[in-house]
C-alpha cells in the first residue's frame, strides 16, 4: 500500500489515515487514538478527500473503517456545546451541522464504490455516515444505536434520516429512533443496514471479497450504476426535510443548554 503518493494521502490531514492500494483507497478514522467521535476535523478531512477524488478516476473503490476501539460513537457533542457557547446565535453550530450534510452528500455522490467496514459500537452519526456508503459489512460483535431522542436531540446529523428510511424501511427505523434501543449485527443485517456480517478477525476478508471483483468491473458501468441507484434513492426521499436539520439541531442544543 502507498501512504504517501498524491494529494489523496496528503500528510496535512490529521483526523484520518489514507492508504492507496491500486484502485482501492483505504480511509481510516481515528489514526491517533482519540475519542471515536466525528468532530469538525474529521468532517473537514473526509470532505477534502472526497473533493480530491473528482480528479482521480483511477480510484474506483473507497473503504471506510476506524482504527479505534469502536467504529464511531457519534457526533462530538462537546464541540456542539462549545460552538453554541462561543456563538449564541447558533451560526457556528449550523456551520458544523451543514458540514455533516455536505459530507454525506459527497459520500453518496462520489464516483468510487464506497464500502463501510464496521466494528465495535456504531452509534448515532457513525451509523448515519456508514449508511451513505454503497456497501456495509460489520463484525458479528457490532452493536448499533440511534440515541439522539434519548439525549434530547433530533436525529438530524447529516440529513441521514431519509437515507436510513430508504435503506431499512420507515417502520423499523421509527422504532429504533424512538426507543433508542441497542441492536446487534444480525438485526442490522436483517434490516439492510448491513449487507454482510463476519467474525471480527475475518472482516478484512469480507471487504476483499467485494473489492477484488469490483476492481475488475468496467469503470464506466460502475459509475453509471452508482448514479442510477443514487437517483432512485433520492427519488424515494422527495419529501426529505434534511435541509432543515442544522436549524433543528441548533434549536434543540440551545434549548437544552
Foldseek 3Di string as FASTA:
>chain_A
DAQDDDPLNDPVQDQWGWDDDFLEIEIEGDPPADAQADEQSNLVSLLVNLVVCVVPLRNAEYEYAYPYPFRHAYHDVVNLVVQCVVPVVLPSLLVRQVSQQSSLVSLLQRLHQYEYEGEAEQEQSSLLSRLSHNAYEYEQAYKYWYCQVVVFADSQHNLRPLSLCLQQNDPVVVVRNVVRDIDTPVVCCVRRSHVYYHHPVCSVVVVCVPVVVSSVDDSVVSSVVSVVVSVVSVVSCVVRPSVCSSVRRSVRVSVVD
